[in-house]
Amino acid sequence: MVLTLRFELEAFGRPFNAARVWYGPDPHDSVRHTHQDFYELMGVLSGSGEHLLTSGSVPLDPGDVVLVRPTDEHAMAGREAEGVEFVNVSFPVCSWQTYAELSHLDPAGRWDLAPRPPVFRAGGERLPELVAIFETALLRTREEPRPLDLLQFWTDLFLLVVPVTDAPEGGKPAWLRAAQRAMRQEDNLRVGLPRMLELANVSAGHLAREMRRHDGTTPVRFITDLRLQHAATLLHTTTYSVAEIAERAGFGSQSYFARCFAATYYLSPREFRMMSRR
């Protein structure tokens, strides 16, 4: 069984949440799960372990930082008796996408499209700085965390770490990666599937087969998820009306948009806007 976690159940009304976690060598200690509406930065502080993914396992060593994305299915296990200790810092989708866009951390959107969660690393001599950044996030969570604390955490972290060489693409065709990246643009989202077929320059059947093989999803589901993520960012960062946002994100009607949004975020668009701004 795969558990689906929701941010609102973990840290409702807070800009972020942080927790210290330890896992021993028994893989059954960690429940396989996904994150429905939030990202997570996992900083390994001590010990060593394995990040258990659907595509296999990835080593976890001190100084590693993993960006776990919504829908990444994963679990953790320690190596040997000492296990692995890390701090998880989680934050809503809309907050991360706004920051990533403004900071130009990943202008091509490659981190979201990578076949495995992206990994970053602080060199061995800089491990104490990494530990201090994650410990500070823990301290802020125990008090009353502010959005400014989350911005400080992100900024300090990404000034310290560097990306590890991307994991192999697992054979995903370059045309599919390029089409998925281009579909993040608002003009393409409005058009939807016809634009993705145009960008991919393949038949609808071939596109569906390749996405099912490499991403475990369908083109329609992929586009709908991108539209909802874009709508959440607009709700969080603009004063557009809900009807305008539905149109800009490519939904045919406001009522259909509201149903899709509530099914994913468990809030209406207006409730989401009020909560995110509060």
C-alpha atoms as a PDB file:
ATOM      1  CA  MET A   1       0.000   0.000   0.000  1.00  0.00           C
ATOM      2  CA  VAL A   2       1.196   3.514  -0.848  1.00  0.00           C
ATOM      3  CA  LEU A   3       0.240   6.284   1.576  1.00  0.00           C
ATOM      4  CA  THR A   4      -0.620   9.748   0.197  1.00  0.00           C
ATOM      5  CA  LEU A   5       0.396  12.639   2.465  1.00  0.00           C
ATOM      6  CA  ARG A   6      -1.203  16.095   2.376  1.00  0.00           C
ATOM      7  CA  PHE A   7       0.440  19.264   3.641  1.00  0.00           C
ATOM      8  CA  GLU A   8      -2.725  20.606   5.224  1.00  0.00           C
ATOM      9  CA  LEU A   9      -2.854  17.563   7.522  1.00  0.00           C
ATOM     10  CA  GLU A  10       0.808  17.932   8.495  1.00  0.00           C
ATOM     11  CA  ALA A  11       1.109  21.705   8.950  1.00  0.00           C
ATOM     12  CA  PHE A  12      -2.194  23.454   8.244  1.00  0.00           C
ATOM     13  CA  GLY A  13      -1.833  27.250   8.254  1.00  0.00           C
ATOM     14  CA  ARG A  14       1.969  27.164   8.447  1.00  0.00           C
ATOM     15  CA  PRO A  15       4.339  28.227   5.647  1.00  0.00           C
ATOM     16  CA  PHE A  16       6.496  25.107   6.144  1.00  0.00           C
ATOM     17  CA  ASN A  17       7.140  22.185   8.454  1.00  0.00           C
ATOM     18  CA  ALA A  18      10.397  20.542   9.576  1.00  0.00           C
ATOM     19  CA  ALA A  19      10.991  17.215  11.322  1.00  0.00           C
ATOM     20  CA  ARG A  20      14.003  15.133  12.356  1.00  0.00           C
ATOM     21  CA  VAL A  21      13.799  11.519  11.151  1.00  0.00           C
ATOM     22  CA  TRP A  22      15.914   8.394  11.711  1.00  0.00           C
ATOM     23  CA  TYR A  23      15.601   5.041   9.953  1.00  0.00           C
ATOM     24  CA  GLY A  24      17.390   1.807  10.691  1.00  0.00           C
ATOM     25  CA  PRO A  25      18.283  -0.935   8.224  1.00  0.00           C
ATOM     26  CA  ASP A  26      14.796  -2.500   8.117  1.00  0.00           C
ATOM     27  CA  PRO A  27      13.042  -1.144   4.960  1.00  0.00           C
ATOM     28  CA  HIS A  28       9.662  -1.910   6.550  1.00  0.00           C
ATOM     29  CA  ASP A  29      10.258   0.874   9.088  1.00  0.00           C
ATOM     30  CA  SER A  30       9.526   3.457   6.374  1.00  0.00           C
ATOM     31  CA  VAL A  31       6.082   3.455   4.772  1.00  0.00           C
ATOM     32  CA  ARG A  32       6.149   3.942   1.001  1.00  0.00           C
ATOM     33  CA  HIS A  33       4.322   7.193   0.292  1.00  0.00           C
ATOM     34  CA  THR A  34       3.771  10.166  -2.019  1.00  0.00           C
ATOM     35  CA  HIS A  35       3.178  13.868  -1.376  1.00  0.00           C
ATOM     36  CA  GLN A  36      -0.021  15.146  -2.891  1.00  0.00           C
ATOM     37  CA  ASP A  37       0.366  18.902  -2.543  1.00  0.00           C
ATOM     38  CA  PHE A  38       3.848  19.692  -1.274  1.00  0.00           C
ATOM     39  CA  TYR A  39       7.555  19.449  -1.970  1.00  0.00           C
ATOM     40  CA  GLU A  40      10.135  18.326   0.553  1.00  0.00           C
ATOM     41  CA  LEU A  41      13.852  18.951   0.973  1.00  0.00           C
ATOM     42  CA  MET A  42      15.503  16.056   2.767  1.00  0.00           C
ATOM     43  CA  GLY A  43      18.911  16.880   4.254  1.00  0.00           C
ATOM     44  CA  VAL A  44      21.046  13.916   5.366  1.00  0.00           C
ATOM     45  CA  LEU A  45      22.920  14.874   8.535  1.00  0.00           C
ATOM     46  CA  SER A  46      24.571  11.637   9.679  1.00  0.00           C
ATOM     47  CA  GLY A  47      24.802   7.916   9.012  1.00  0.00           C
ATOM     48  CA  SER A  48      24.057   6.443   5.599  1.00  0.00           C
ATOM     49  CA  GLY A  49      21.123   4.830   3.896  1.00  0.00           C
ATOM     50  CA  GLU A  50      19.122   4.170   0.770  1.00  0.00           C
ATOM     51  CA  HIS A  51      16.401   6.234  -0.899  1.00  0.00           C
ATOM     52  CA  LEU A  52      13.959   3.582  -2.128  1.00  0.00           C
ATOM     53  CA  LEU A  53      12.256   4.646  -5.361  1.00  0.00           C
ATOM     54  CA  THR A  54      10.107   2.841  -7.899  1.00  0.00           C
ATOM     55  CA  SER A  55      13.085   2.913 -10.297  1.00  0.00           C
ATOM     56  CA  GLY A  56      15.516   1.474  -7.738  1.00  0.00           C
ATOM     57  CA  SER A  57      17.506   2.697  -4.746  1.00  0.00           C
ATOM     58  CA  VAL A  58      19.839   5.705  -4.481  1.00  0.00           C
ATOM     59  CA  PRO A  59      22.534   6.009  -1.760  1.00  0.00           C
ATOM     60  CA  LEU A  60      22.035   8.599   0.988  1.00  0.00           C
ATOM     61  CA  ASP A  61      25.181  10.016   2.610  1.00  0.00           C
ATOM     62  CA  PRO A  62      25.890  12.967   4.937  1.00  0.00           C
ATOM     63  CA  GLY A  63      25.713  16.228   3.004  1.00  0.00           C
ATOM     64  CA  ASP A  64      23.152  14.951   0.485  1.00  0.00           C
ATOM     65  CA  VAL A  65      19.995  17.027  -0.044  1.00  0.00           C
ATOM     66  CA  VAL A  66      17.104  15.491  -1.992  1.00  0.00           C
ATOM     67  CA  LEU A  67      14.243  17.486  -3.526  1.00  0.00           C
ATOM     68  CA  VAL A  68      11.223  15.187  -3.229  1.00  0.00           C
ATOM     69  CA  ARG A  69       8.444  16.283  -5.567  1.00  0.00           C
ATOM     70  CA  PRO A  70       4.689  15.721  -5.470  1.00  0.00           C
ATOM     71  CA  THR A  71       3.862  12.238  -6.785  1.00  0.00           C
ATOM     72  CA  ASP A  72       7.386  10.882  -6.130  1.00  0.00           C
ATOM     73  CA  GLU A  73       6.752   7.476  -4.566  1.00  0.00           C
ATOM     74  CA  HIS A  74       9.487   6.687  -2.073  1.00  0.00           C
ATOM     75  CA  ALA A  75      10.660   5.240   1.237  1.00  0.00           C
ATOM     76  CA  MET A  76      13.952   5.231   3.167  1.00  0.00           C
ATOM     77  CA  ALA A  77      16.160   2.656   4.891  1.00  0.00           C
ATOM     78  CA  GLY A  78      19.390   2.982   6.851  1.00  0.00           C
ATOM     79  CA  ARG A  79      22.589   1.102   6.163  1.00  0.00           C
ATOM     80  CA  GLU A  80      24.121  -1.008   8.912  1.00  0.00           C
ATOM     81  CA  ALA A  81      23.185  -0.468  12.560  1.00  0.00           C
ATOM     82  CA  GLU A  82      23.828   3.287  12.715  1.00  0.00           C
ATOM     83  CA  GLY A  83      20.999   3.947  10.266  1.00  0.00           C
ATOM     84  CA  VAL A  84      20.487   7.299   8.573  1.00  0.00           C
ATOM     85  CA  GLU A  85      19.428  10.600  10.163  1.00  0.00           C
ATOM     86  CA  PHE A  86      17.962  13.455   8.176  1.00  0.00           C
ATOM     87  CA  VAL A  87      15.723  16.508   8.499  1.00  0.00           C
ATOM     88  CA  ASN A  88      12.706  16.932   6.235  1.00  0.00           C
ATOM     89  CA  VAL A  89      11.538  20.456   5.409  1.00  0.00           C
ATOM     90  CA  SER A  90       8.194  20.456   3.577  1.00  0.00           C
ATOM     91  CA  PHE A  91       6.355  23.352   1.898  1.00  0.00           C
ATOM     92  CA  PRO A  92       3.323  23.822  -0.386  1.00  0.00           C
ATOM     93  CA  VAL A  93       3.565  23.488  -4.158  1.00  0.00           C
ATOM     94  CA  CYS A  94       2.594  27.105  -4.835  1.00  0.00           C
ATOM     95  CA  SER A  95       5.240  28.528  -2.481  1.00  0.00           C
ATOM     96  CA  TRP A  96       8.061  26.522  -4.050  1.00  0.00           C
ATOM     97  CA  GLN A  97       7.025  27.268  -7.632  1.00  0.00           C
ATOM     98  CA  THR A  98       6.850  30.996  -6.901  1.00  0.00           C
ATOM     99  CA  TYR A  99      10.314  30.983  -5.318  1.00  0.00           C
ATOM    100  CA  ALA A 100      11.860  28.825  -8.046  1.00  0.00           C
ATOM    101  CA  GLU A 101      10.471  31.118 -10.730  1.00  0.00           C
ATOM    102  CA  LEU A 102      11.609  34.353  -9.076  1.00  0.00           C
ATOM    103  CA  SER A 103      15.068  33.009  -8.230  1.00  0.00           C
ATOM    104  CA  HIS A 104      15.619  31.296 -11.614  1.00  0.00           C
ATOM    105  CA  LEU A 105      16.940  28.237  -9.784  1.00  0.00           C
ATOM    106  CA  ASP A 106      15.686  25.890 -12.473  1.00  0.00           C
ATOM    107  CA  PRO A 107      14.591  28.015 -15.456  1.00  0.00           C
ATOM    108  CA  ALA A 108      14.156  25.034 -17.794  1.00  0.00           C
ATOM    109  CA  GLY A 109      12.036  23.088 -15.308  1.00  0.00           C
ATOM    110  CA  ARG A 110      14.431  20.118 -15.408  1.00  0.00           C
ATOM    111  CA  TRP A 111      14.135  19.351 -11.690  1.00  0.00           C
ATOM    112  CA  ASP A 112      10.437  18.579 -12.002  1.00  0.00           C
ATOM    113  CA  LEU A 113      10.898  16.547 -15.179  1.00  0.00           C
ATOM    114  CA  ALA A 114      13.856  14.458 -14.010  1.00  0.00           C
ATOM    115  CA  PRO A 115      13.106  10.722 -13.727  1.00  0.00           C
ATOM    116  CA  ARG A 116      14.341  10.702 -10.118  1.00  0.00           C
ATOM    117  CA  PRO A 117      14.226  13.304  -7.332  1.00  0.00           C
ATOM    118  CA  PRO A 118      17.104  15.774  -7.885  1.00  0.00           C
ATOM    119  CA  VAL A 119      20.051  15.473  -5.500  1.00  0.00           C
ATOM    120  CA  PHE A 120      22.312  18.287  -4.275  1.00  0.00           C
ATOM    121  CA  ARG A 121      25.402  18.066  -2.115  1.00  0.00           C
ATOM    122  CA  ALA A 122      27.482  20.103   0.291  1.00  0.00           C
ATOM    123  CA  GLY A 123      31.170  19.200   0.329  1.00  0.00           C
ATOM    124  CA  GLY A 124      32.496  17.376   3.396  1.00  0.00           C
ATOM    125  CA  GLU A 125      34.151  20.475   4.818  1.00  0.00           C
ATOM    126  CA  ARG A 126      30.847  22.362   4.547  1.00  0.00           C
ATOM    127  CA  LEU A 127      28.698  19.724   6.226  1.00  0.00           C
ATOM    128  CA  PRO A 128      28.513  21.720   9.515  1.00  0.00           C
ATOM    129  CA  GLU A 129      26.988  24.642   7.578  1.00  0.00           C
ATOM    130  CA  LEU A 130      24.398  22.335   6.034  1.00  0.00           C
ATOM    131  CA  VAL A 131      23.539  20.886   9.436  1.00  0.00           C
ATOM    132  CA  ALA A 132      23.126  24.413  10.855  1.00  0.00           C
ATOM    133  CA  ILE A 133      20.710  25.394   8.045  1.00  0.00           C
ATOM    134  CA  PHE A 134      18.455  22.387   8.673  1.00  0.00           C
ATOM    135  CA  GLU A 135      18.717  22.720  12.464  1.00  0.00           C
ATOM    136  CA  THR A 136      17.596  26.349  12.149  1.00  0.00           C
ATOM    137  CA  ALA A 137      14.534  25.236  10.161  1.00  0.00           C
ATOM    138  CA  LEU A 138      13.731  22.774  12.963  1.00  0.00           C
ATOM    139  CA  LEU A 139      14.044  25.518  15.549  1.00  0.00           C
ATOM    140  CA  ARG A 140      11.742  27.831  13.585  1.00  0.00           C
ATOM    141  CA  THR A 141       9.132  25.077  13.320  1.00  0.00           C
ATOM    142  CA  ARG A 142       9.100  24.619  17.088  1.00  0.00           C
ATOM    143  CA  GLU A 143       8.402  28.342  17.477  1.00  0.00           C
ATOM    144  CA  GLU A 144       6.105  30.220  15.076  1.00  0.00           C
ATOM    145  CA  PRO A 145       7.494  29.850  11.538  1.00  0.00           C
ATOM    146  CA  ARG A 146       7.164  32.779   9.153  1.00  0.00           C
ATOM    147  CA  PRO A 147       7.248  32.859   5.342  1.00  0.00           C
ATOM    148  CA  LEU A 148      10.457  34.875   5.699  1.00  0.00           C
ATOM    149  CA  ASP A 149      12.046  31.934   7.546  1.00  0.00           C
ATOM    150  CA  LEU A 150      11.245  29.660   4.608  1.00  0.00           C
ATOM    151  CA  LEU A 151      12.751  32.138   2.148  1.00  0.00           C
ATOM    152  CA  GLN A 152      15.878  32.320   4.312  1.00  0.00           C
ATOM    153  CA  PHE A 153      16.122  28.529   4.453  1.00  0.00           C
ATOM    154  CA  TRP A 154      15.870  28.142   0.669  1.00  0.00           C
ATOM    155  CA  THR A 155      18.337  30.946  -0.017  1.00  0.00           C
ATOM    156  CA  ASP A 156      20.960  29.774   2.494  1.00  0.00           C
ATOM    157  CA  LEU A 157      20.634  26.188   1.276  1.00  0.00           C
ATOM    158  CA  PHE A 158      20.958  26.815  -2.463  1.00  0.00           C
ATOM    159  CA  LEU A 159      23.893  29.159  -1.971  1.00  0.00           C
ATOM    160  CA  LEU A 160      25.657  26.269  -0.223  1.00  0.00           C
ATOM    161  CA  VAL A 161      24.847  23.101  -2.199  1.00  0.00           C
ATOM    162  CA  VAL A 162      25.562  22.157  -5.792  1.00  0.00           C
ATOM    163  CA  PRO A 163      23.556  19.758  -7.999  1.00  0.00           C
ATOM    164  CA  VAL A 164      24.832  16.219  -8.341  1.00  0.00           C
ATOM    165  CA  THR A 165      25.108  14.970 -11.921  1.00  0.00           C
ATOM    166  CA  ASP A 166      21.635  14.098 -13.132  1.00  0.00           C
ATOM    167  CA  ALA A 167      20.560  10.487 -12.877  1.00  0.00           C
ATOM    168  CA  PRO A 168      20.256   8.661 -16.198  1.00  0.00           C
ATOM    169  CA  GLU A 169      17.074   9.531 -18.053  1.00  0.00           C
ATOM    170  CA  GLY A 170      16.108   5.873 -18.232  1.00  0.00           C
ATOM    171  CA  GLY A 171      15.760   6.094 -21.987  1.00  0.00           C
ATOM    172  CA  LYS A 172      13.191   8.891 -22.007  1.00  0.00           C
ATOM    173  CA  PRO A 173      13.274  10.389 -25.536  1.00  0.00           C
ATOM    174  CA  ALA A 174      14.605  13.917 -25.945  1.00  0.00           C
ATOM    175  CA  TRP A 175      11.432  14.929 -27.834  1.00  0.00           C
ATOM    176  CA  LEU A 176       9.295  13.930 -24.840  1.00  0.00           C
ATOM    177  CA  ARG A 177      11.452  15.820 -22.341  1.00  0.00           C
ATOM    178  CA  ALA A 178      11.349  18.917 -24.556  1.00  0.00           C
ATOM    179  CA  ALA A 179       7.566  18.735 -25.024  1.00  0.00           C
ATOM    180  CA  GLN A 180       6.948  18.308 -21.288  1.00  0.00           C
ATOM    181  CA  ARG A 181       9.210  21.263 -20.529  1.00  0.00           C
ATOM    182  CA  ALA A 182       7.479  23.486 -23.100  1.00  0.00           C
ATOM    183  CA  MET A 183       4.039  22.620 -21.748  1.00  0.00           C
ATOM    184  CA  ARG A 184       4.835  24.590 -18.590  1.00  0.00           C
ATOM    185  CA  GLN A 185       4.343  27.806 -20.555  1.00  0.00           C
ATOM    186  CA  GLU A 186       0.926  29.378 -20.052  1.00  0.00           C
ATOM    187  CA  ASP A 187       0.217  29.786 -23.767  1.00  0.00           C
ATOM    188  CA  ASN A 188       0.762  26.069 -24.291  1.00  0.00           C
ATOM    189  CA  LEU A 189      -1.277  25.094 -21.230  1.00  0.00           C
ATOM    190  CA  ARG A 190      -4.272  26.983 -22.606  1.00  0.00           C
ATOM    191  CA  VAL A 191      -4.240  24.920 -25.793  1.00  0.00           C
ATOM    192  CA  GLY A 192      -3.608  21.656 -23.944  1.00  0.00           C
ATOM    193  CA  LEU A 193      -3.257  18.251 -25.577  1.00  0.00           C
ATOM    194  CA  PRO A 194      -3.330  19.473 -29.221  1.00  0.00           C
ATOM    195  CA  ARG A 195      -0.342  21.721 -28.465  1.00  0.00           C
ATOM    196  CA  MET A 196       1.543  18.910 -26.738  1.00  0.00           C
ATOM    197  CA  LEU A 197       1.008  16.651 -29.765  1.00  0.00           C
ATOM    198  CA  GLU A 198       2.209  19.477 -31.985  1.00  0.00           C
ATOM    199  CA  LEU A 199       5.331  19.970 -29.861  1.00  0.00           C
ATOM    200  CA  ALA A 200       6.071  16.249 -29.648  1.00  0.00           C
ATOM    201  CA  ASN A 201       5.368  15.687 -33.358  1.00  0.00           C
ATOM    202  CA  VAL A 202       4.184  12.120 -32.762  1.00  0.00           C
ATOM    203  CA  SER A 203       0.808  10.375 -32.849  1.00  0.00           C
ATOM    204  CA  ALA A 204      -1.542  10.513 -29.866  1.00  0.00           C
ATOM    205  CA  GLY A 205      -1.117   6.781 -29.307  1.00  0.00           C
ATOM    206  CA  HIS A 206       2.689   6.954 -29.332  1.00  0.00           C
ATOM    207  CA  LEU A 207       2.691   9.907 -26.923  1.00  0.00           C
ATOM    208  CA  ALA A 208       0.378   8.041 -24.531  1.00  0.00           C
ATOM    209  CA  ARG A 209       2.510   4.876 -24.640  1.00  0.00           C
ATOM    210  CA  GLU A 210       5.785   6.727 -24.003  1.00  0.00           C
ATOM    211  CA  MET A 211       4.353   8.757 -21.110  1.00  0.00           C
ATOM    212  CA  ARG A 212       2.856   5.663 -19.517  1.00  0.00           C
ATOM    213  CA  ARG A 213       6.197   3.890 -19.882  1.00  0.00           C
ATOM    214  CA  HIS A 214       8.457   6.668 -18.589  1.00  0.00           C
ATOM    215  CA  ASP A 215       6.216   8.702 -16.262  1.00  0.00           C
ATOM    216  CA  GLY A 216       3.437   6.321 -15.267  1.00  0.00           C
ATOM    217  CA  THR A 217       0.777   8.835 -16.293  1.00  0.00           C
ATOM    218  CA  THR A 218      -1.302   9.920 -19.283  1.00  0.00           C
ATOM    219  CA  PRO A 219      -0.900  13.090 -21.363  1.00  0.00           C
ATOM    220  CA  VAL A 220      -4.285  14.383 -20.141  1.00  0.00           C
ATOM    221  CA  ARG A 221      -3.387  13.758 -16.477  1.00  0.00           C
ATOM    222  CA  PHE A 222       0.026  15.371 -16.972  1.00  0.00           C
ATOM    223  CA  ILE A 223      -1.513  18.493 -18.513  1.00  0.00           C
ATOM    224  CA  THR A 224      -4.238  18.705 -15.869  1.00  0.00           C
ATOM    225  CA  ASP A 225      -1.631  18.516 -13.094  1.00  0.00           C
ATOM    226  CA  LEU A 226       0.408  21.297 -14.723  1.00  0.00           C
ATOM    227  CA  ARG A 227      -2.723  23.427 -15.093  1.00  0.00           C
ATOM    228  CA  LEU A 228      -3.629  22.966 -11.432  1.00  0.00           C
ATOM    229  CA  GLN A 229      -0.095  23.798 -10.307  1.00  0.00           C
ATOM    230  CA  HIS A 230      -0.118  26.936 -12.465  1.00  0.00           C
ATOM    231  CA  ALA A 231      -3.543  27.909 -11.125  1.00  0.00           C
ATOM    232  CA  ALA A 232      -2.330  27.456  -7.533  1.00  0.00           C
ATOM    233  CA  THR A 233       0.620  29.759  -8.230  1.00  0.00           C
ATOM    234  CA  LEU A 234      -1.686  32.408  -9.745  1.00  0.00           C
ATOM    235  CA  LEU A 235      -4.055  32.183  -6.777  1.00  0.00           C
ATOM    236  CA  HIS A 236      -1.131  32.668  -4.438  1.00  0.00           C
ATOM    237  CA  THR A 237       0.674  35.478  -6.268  1.00  0.00           C
ATOM    238  CA  THR A 238      -1.901  37.508  -8.260  1.00  0.00           C
ATOM    239  CA  THR A 239      -5.231  39.264  -7.847  1.00  0.00           C
ATOM    240  CA  TYR A 240      -6.837  37.674 -10.909  1.00  0.00           C
ATOM    241  CA  SER A 241     -10.365  36.453 -10.309  1.00  0.00           C
ATOM    242  CA  VAL A 242     -11.018  32.719 -10.105  1.00  0.00           C
ATOM    243  CA  ALA A 243     -12.712  32.866 -13.510  1.00  0.00           C
ATOM    244  CA  GLU A 244      -9.674  34.594 -15.051  1.00  0.00           C
ATOM    245  CA  ILE A 245      -7.317  32.048 -13.502  1.00  0.00           C
ATOM    246  CA  ALA A 246      -9.427  29.157 -14.804  1.00  0.00           C
ATOM    247  CA  GLU A 247      -9.162  30.621 -18.303  1.00  0.00           C
ATOM    248  CA  ARG A 248      -5.424  31.367 -18.074  1.00  0.00           C
ATOM    249  CA  ALA A 249      -4.705  27.837 -16.862  1.00  0.00           C
ATOM    250  CA  GLY A 250      -6.665  26.318 -19.733  1.00  0.00           C
ATOM    251  CA  PHE A 251      -9.838  25.068 -18.035  1.00  0.00           C
ATOM    252  CA  GLY A 252     -13.002  25.182 -20.119  1.00  0.00           C
ATOM    253  CA  SER A 253     -15.213  26.521 -17.345  1.00  0.00           C
ATOM    254  CA  GLN A 254     -14.912  27.919 -13.851  1.00  0.00           C
ATOM    255  CA  SER A 255     -17.086  25.161 -12.384  1.00  0.00           C
ATOM    256  CA  TYR A 256     -14.958  22.393 -13.921  1.00  0.00           C
ATOM    257  CA  PHE A 257     -11.811  24.136 -12.687  1.00  0.00           C
ATOM    258  CA  ALA A 258     -13.262  24.376  -9.165  1.00  0.00           C
ATOM    259  CA  ARG A 259     -14.119  20.660  -9.128  1.00  0.00           C
ATOM    260  CA  CYS A 260     -10.645  19.620 -10.320  1.00  0.00           C
ATOM    261  CA  PHE A 261      -8.948  21.986  -7.887  1.00  0.00           C
ATOM    262  CA  ALA A 262     -10.951  20.772  -4.882  1.00  0.00           C
ATOM    263  CA  ALA A 263     -10.312  17.132  -5.806  1.00  0.00           C
ATOM    264  CA  THR A 264      -6.561  17.777  -5.711  1.00  0.00           C
ATOM    265  CA  TYR A 265      -6.119  20.382  -2.944  1.00  0.00           C
ATOM    266  CA  TYR A 266      -9.193  19.565  -0.815  1.00  0.00           C
ATOM    267  CA  LEU A 267     -10.024  23.275  -0.814  1.00  0.00           C
ATOM    268  CA  SER A 268     -11.963  25.507  -3.169  1.00  0.00           C
ATOM    269  CA  PRO A 269      -9.847  28.001  -5.152  1.00  0.00           C
ATOM    270  CA  ARG A 270     -11.074  30.856  -2.924  1.00  0.00           C
ATOM    271  CA  GLU A 271     -10.318  28.933   0.278  1.00  0.00           C
ATOM    272  CA  PHE A 272      -6.877  28.070  -1.063  1.00  0.00           C
ATOM    273  CA  ARG A 273      -6.164  31.731  -1.841  1.00  0.00           C
ATOM    274  CA  MET A 274      -7.227  32.841   1.632  1.00  0.00           C
ATOM    275  CA  MET A 275      -5.189  30.126   3.357  1.00  0.00           C
ATOM    276  CA  SER A 276      -2.029  30.648   1.278  1.00  0.00           C
ATOM    277  CA  ARG A 277      -2.057  34.402   1.854  1.00  0.00           C
ATOM    278  CA  ARG A 278      -2.747  34.006   5.555  1.00  0.00           C
END
